Amino acid sequence: MQVDLQQRIQRNPMLVRYLHENSYWYKYLHRGSEAFPVFEKAMKEQYKVRMQDKMENIANGLQMVQTLMDVLK
């Protein structure tokens, strides 16, 4: 694996954890850095840290507050 790619992975603990949990990615990352964006996207999807997931969490929180307010009325 390229040194710069190793450093990018080591800087992000979530990437390190995902790589340990899904060791098949080692094979793709050793072949070249072209697989890194796909690897990063897969990690974000699994750990739900995409912008879409954050917006969904906010919407769910607001819906819960609205339901609570309706119950308390």
N, C-alpha and C. Protein backbone atom coordinates (compact mmCIF):
# COMPACT_ATOMS: atom_id res chain seq x y z
N MET A 1 0.86 -1.17 0.00
CA MET A 1 0.00 0.00 0.00
C MET A 1 0.90 1.23 0.00
N GLN A 2 0.51 2.23 -0.71
CA GLN A 2 1.30 3.45 -0.81
C GLN A 2 1.33 4.17 0.54
N VAL A 3 2.44 4.83 0.81
CA VAL A 3 2.65 5.49 2.10
C VAL A 3 1.63 6.60 2.32
N ASP A 4 1.35 7.40 1.31
CA ASP A 4 0.39 8.49 1.48
C ASP A 4 -1.01 7.94 1.75
N LEU A 5 -1.34 6.82 1.16
CA LEU A 5 -2.64 6.20 1.40
C LEU A 5 -2.72 5.66 2.83
N GLN A 6 -1.64 5.07 3.30
CA GLN A 6 -1.59 4.59 4.68
C GLN A 6 -1.76 5.74 5.66
N GLN A 7 -1.13 6.86 5.37
CA GLN A 7 -1.23 8.02 6.26
C GLN A 7 -2.65 8.58 6.28
N ARG A 8 -3.30 8.61 5.12
CA ARG A 8 -4.68 9.10 5.07
C ARG A 8 -5.61 8.22 5.89
N ILE A 9 -5.38 6.91 5.82
CA ILE A 9 -6.21 5.99 6.59
C ILE A 9 -5.93 6.12 8.08
N GLN A 10 -4.66 6.25 8.46
CA GLN A 10 -4.29 6.34 9.87
C GLN A 10 -4.79 7.62 10.53
N ARG A 11 -5.00 8.68 9.76
CA ARG A 11 -5.49 9.95 10.31
C ARG A 11 -6.95 9.88 10.72
N ASN A 12 -7.69 8.93 10.17
CA ASN A 12 -9.12 8.82 10.45
C ASN A 12 -9.39 7.50 11.17
N PRO A 13 -9.70 7.53 12.47
CA PRO A 13 -9.93 6.30 13.22
C PRO A 13 -11.08 5.46 12.67
N MET A 14 -12.08 6.11 12.07
CA MET A 14 -13.19 5.35 11.50
C MET A 14 -12.75 4.53 10.30
N LEU A 15 -11.83 5.08 9.50
CA LEU A 15 -11.31 4.33 8.36
C LEU A 15 -10.49 3.13 8.84
N VAL A 16 -9.72 3.33 9.89
CA VAL A 16 -8.91 2.23 10.45
C VAL A 16 -9.83 1.12 10.95
N ARG A 17 -10.85 1.50 11.68
CA ARG A 17 -11.79 0.51 12.21
C ARG A 17 -12.51 -0.23 11.09
N TYR A 18 -12.94 0.51 10.07
CA TYR A 18 -13.64 -0.12 8.95
C TYR A 18 -12.72 -1.08 8.21
N LEU A 19 -11.46 -0.71 8.06
CA LEU A 19 -10.50 -1.57 7.38
C LEU A 19 -10.24 -2.85 8.17
N HIS A 20 -10.20 -2.74 9.48
CA HIS A 20 -10.01 -3.93 10.31
C HIS A 20 -11.24 -4.84 10.25
N GLU A 21 -12.41 -4.24 10.21
CA GLU A 21 -13.64 -5.03 10.18
C GLU A 21 -13.89 -5.65 8.80
N ASN A 22 -13.40 -5.01 7.76
CA ASN A 22 -13.62 -5.46 6.39
C ASN A 22 -12.27 -5.61 5.71
N SER A 23 -11.57 -6.64 6.08
CA SER A 23 -10.17 -6.80 5.65
C SER A 23 -10.01 -7.06 4.15
N TYR A 24 -11.09 -7.39 3.46
CA TYR A 24 -10.98 -7.59 2.01
C TYR A 24 -10.56 -6.31 1.29
N TRP A 25 -10.74 -5.16 1.94
CA TRP A 25 -10.34 -3.89 1.33
C TRP A 25 -8.82 -3.76 1.19
N TYR A 26 -8.07 -4.49 2.01
CA TYR A 26 -6.61 -4.44 1.90
C TYR A 26 -6.18 -4.79 0.47
N LYS A 27 -6.81 -5.80 -0.08
CA LYS A 27 -6.45 -6.25 -1.43
C LYS A 27 -6.64 -5.13 -2.45
N TYR A 28 -7.77 -4.46 -2.38
CA TYR A 28 -8.05 -3.40 -3.35
C TYR A 28 -7.15 -2.18 -3.14
N LEU A 29 -6.89 -1.84 -1.89
CA LEU A 29 -6.07 -0.67 -1.58
C LEU A 29 -4.59 -0.93 -1.90
N HIS A 30 -4.15 -2.16 -1.83
CA HIS A 30 -2.77 -2.48 -2.20
C HIS A 30 -2.56 -2.34 -3.70
N ARG A 31 -3.60 -2.53 -4.47
CA ARG A 31 -3.48 -2.44 -5.93
C ARG A 31 -3.31 -1.01 -6.41
N GLY A 32 -3.79 -0.06 -5.65
CA GLY A 32 -3.64 1.33 -6.05
C GLY A 32 -4.59 2.23 -5.29
N SER A 33 -4.34 3.51 -5.37
CA SER A 33 -5.14 4.46 -4.60
C SER A 33 -6.46 4.80 -5.29
N GLU A 34 -6.72 4.22 -6.46
CA GLU A 34 -7.98 4.50 -7.15
C GLU A 34 -9.18 3.98 -6.37
N ALA A 35 -8.97 2.96 -5.54
CA ALA A 35 -10.06 2.36 -4.78
C ALA A 35 -10.39 3.14 -3.51
N PHE A 36 -9.55 4.09 -3.14
CA PHE A 36 -9.76 4.81 -1.88
C PHE A 36 -11.10 5.55 -1.82
N PRO A 37 -11.50 6.29 -2.86
CA PRO A 37 -12.80 6.97 -2.76
C PRO A 37 -13.97 5.99 -2.56
N VAL A 38 -13.90 4.83 -3.19
CA VAL A 38 -14.96 3.83 -3.03
C VAL A 38 -14.92 3.27 -1.61
N PHE A 39 -13.72 3.04 -1.10
CA PHE A 39 -13.52 2.56 0.27
C PHE A 39 -14.10 3.56 1.27
N GLU A 40 -13.79 4.83 1.07
CA GLU A 40 -14.27 5.87 1.97
C GLU A 40 -15.79 5.99 1.92
N LYS A 41 -16.35 5.88 0.74
CA LYS A 41 -17.80 5.95 0.58
C LYS A 41 -18.49 4.78 1.27
N ALA A 42 -17.90 3.59 1.14
CA ALA A 42 -18.47 2.41 1.79
C ALA A 42 -18.44 2.56 3.31
N MET A 43 -17.35 3.12 3.83
CA MET A 43 -17.25 3.35 5.27
C MET A 43 -18.33 4.33 5.74
N LYS A 44 -18.51 5.40 5.01
CA LYS A 44 -19.51 6.40 5.38
C LYS A 44 -20.92 5.83 5.34
N GLU A 45 -21.19 4.97 4.37
CA GLU A 45 -22.51 4.35 4.29
C GLU A 45 -22.75 3.40 5.45
N GLN A 46 -21.74 2.61 5.81
CA GLN A 46 -21.92 1.65 6.89
C GLN A 46 -22.06 2.34 8.24
N TYR A 47 -21.28 3.36 8.50
CA TYR A 47 -21.32 4.05 9.79
C TYR A 47 -22.30 5.21 9.82
N LYS A 48 -23.00 5.43 8.72
CA LYS A 48 -24.03 6.47 8.61
C LYS A 48 -23.50 7.85 9.00
N VAL A 49 -22.45 8.27 8.33
CA VAL A 49 -21.88 9.60 8.55
C VAL A 49 -21.97 10.46 7.29
N ARG A 50 -22.82 10.05 6.35
CA ARG A 50 -23.03 10.86 5.16
C ARG A 50 -23.94 12.04 5.51
N MET A 51 -23.92 13.06 4.70
CA MET A 51 -24.77 14.23 4.93
C MET A 51 -26.25 13.81 4.93
N GLN A 52 -26.60 12.90 4.05
CA GLN A 52 -27.98 12.41 3.97
C GLN A 52 -28.40 11.76 5.29
N ASP A 53 -27.53 11.00 5.90
CA ASP A 53 -27.83 10.36 7.17
C ASP A 53 -27.98 11.38 8.29
N LYS A 54 -27.15 12.41 8.27
CA LYS A 54 -27.24 13.46 9.29
C LYS A 54 -28.56 14.21 9.18
N MET A 55 -28.97 14.50 7.95
CA MET A 55 -30.25 15.19 7.74
C MET A 55 -31.41 14.31 8.19
N GLU A 56 -31.31 13.04 7.94
CA GLU A 56 -32.35 12.10 8.36
C GLU A 56 -32.44 12.04 9.88
N ASN A 57 -31.31 12.06 10.56
CA ASN A 57 -31.30 12.06 12.03
C ASN A 57 -31.95 13.32 12.58
N ILE A 58 -31.67 14.46 11.95
CA ILE A 58 -32.29 15.73 12.38
C ILE A 58 -33.79 15.68 12.19
N ALA A 59 -34.22 15.18 11.04
CA ALA A 59 -35.65 15.09 10.75
C ALA A 59 -36.35 14.16 11.74
N ASN A 60 -35.70 13.05 12.06
CA ASN A 60 -36.29 12.12 13.04
C ASN A 60 -36.38 12.76 14.42
N GLY A 61 -35.36 13.52 14.79
CA GLY A 61 -35.39 14.21 16.07
C GLY A 61 -36.51 15.24 16.14
N LEU A 62 -36.69 16.00 15.07
CA LEU A 62 -37.76 16.99 15.03
C LEU A 62 -39.13 16.32 15.07
N GLN A 63 -39.26 15.21 14.39
CA GLN A 63 -40.53 14.49 14.40
C GLN A 63 -40.84 13.96 15.80
N MET A 64 -39.82 13.50 16.51
CA MET A 64 -40.01 13.00 17.87
C MET A 64 -40.43 14.14 18.79
N VAL A 65 -39.81 15.30 18.64
CA VAL A 65 -40.18 16.46 19.46
C VAL A 65 -41.61 16.88 19.16
N GLN A 66 -41.98 16.88 17.89
CA GLN A 66 -43.34 17.26 17.52
C GLN A 66 -44.35 16.28 18.10
N THR A 67 -44.06 15.00 18.06
CA THR A 67 -44.95 13.99 18.63
C THR A 67 -45.08 14.18 20.13
N LEU A 68 -43.97 14.46 20.79
CA LEU A 68 -43.99 14.71 22.22
C LEU A 68 -44.84 15.94 22.56
N MET A 69 -44.70 17.00 21.77
CA MET A 69 -45.49 18.21 21.99
C MET A 69 -46.98 17.93 21.80
N ASP A 70 -47.31 17.10 20.80
CA ASP A 70 -48.73 16.76 20.57
C ASP A 70 -49.30 15.95 21.73
N VAL A 71 -48.49 15.08 22.30
CA VAL A 71 -48.93 14.26 23.42
C VAL A 71 -49.16 15.11 24.66
N LEU A 72 -48.30 16.11 24.86
CA LEU A 72 -48.39 16.94 26.06
C LEU A 72 -49.49 17.98 25.98
N LYS A 73 -50.08 18.22 24.84
CA LYS A 73 -51.15 19.22 24.70
C LYS A 73 -52.43 18.76 25.34
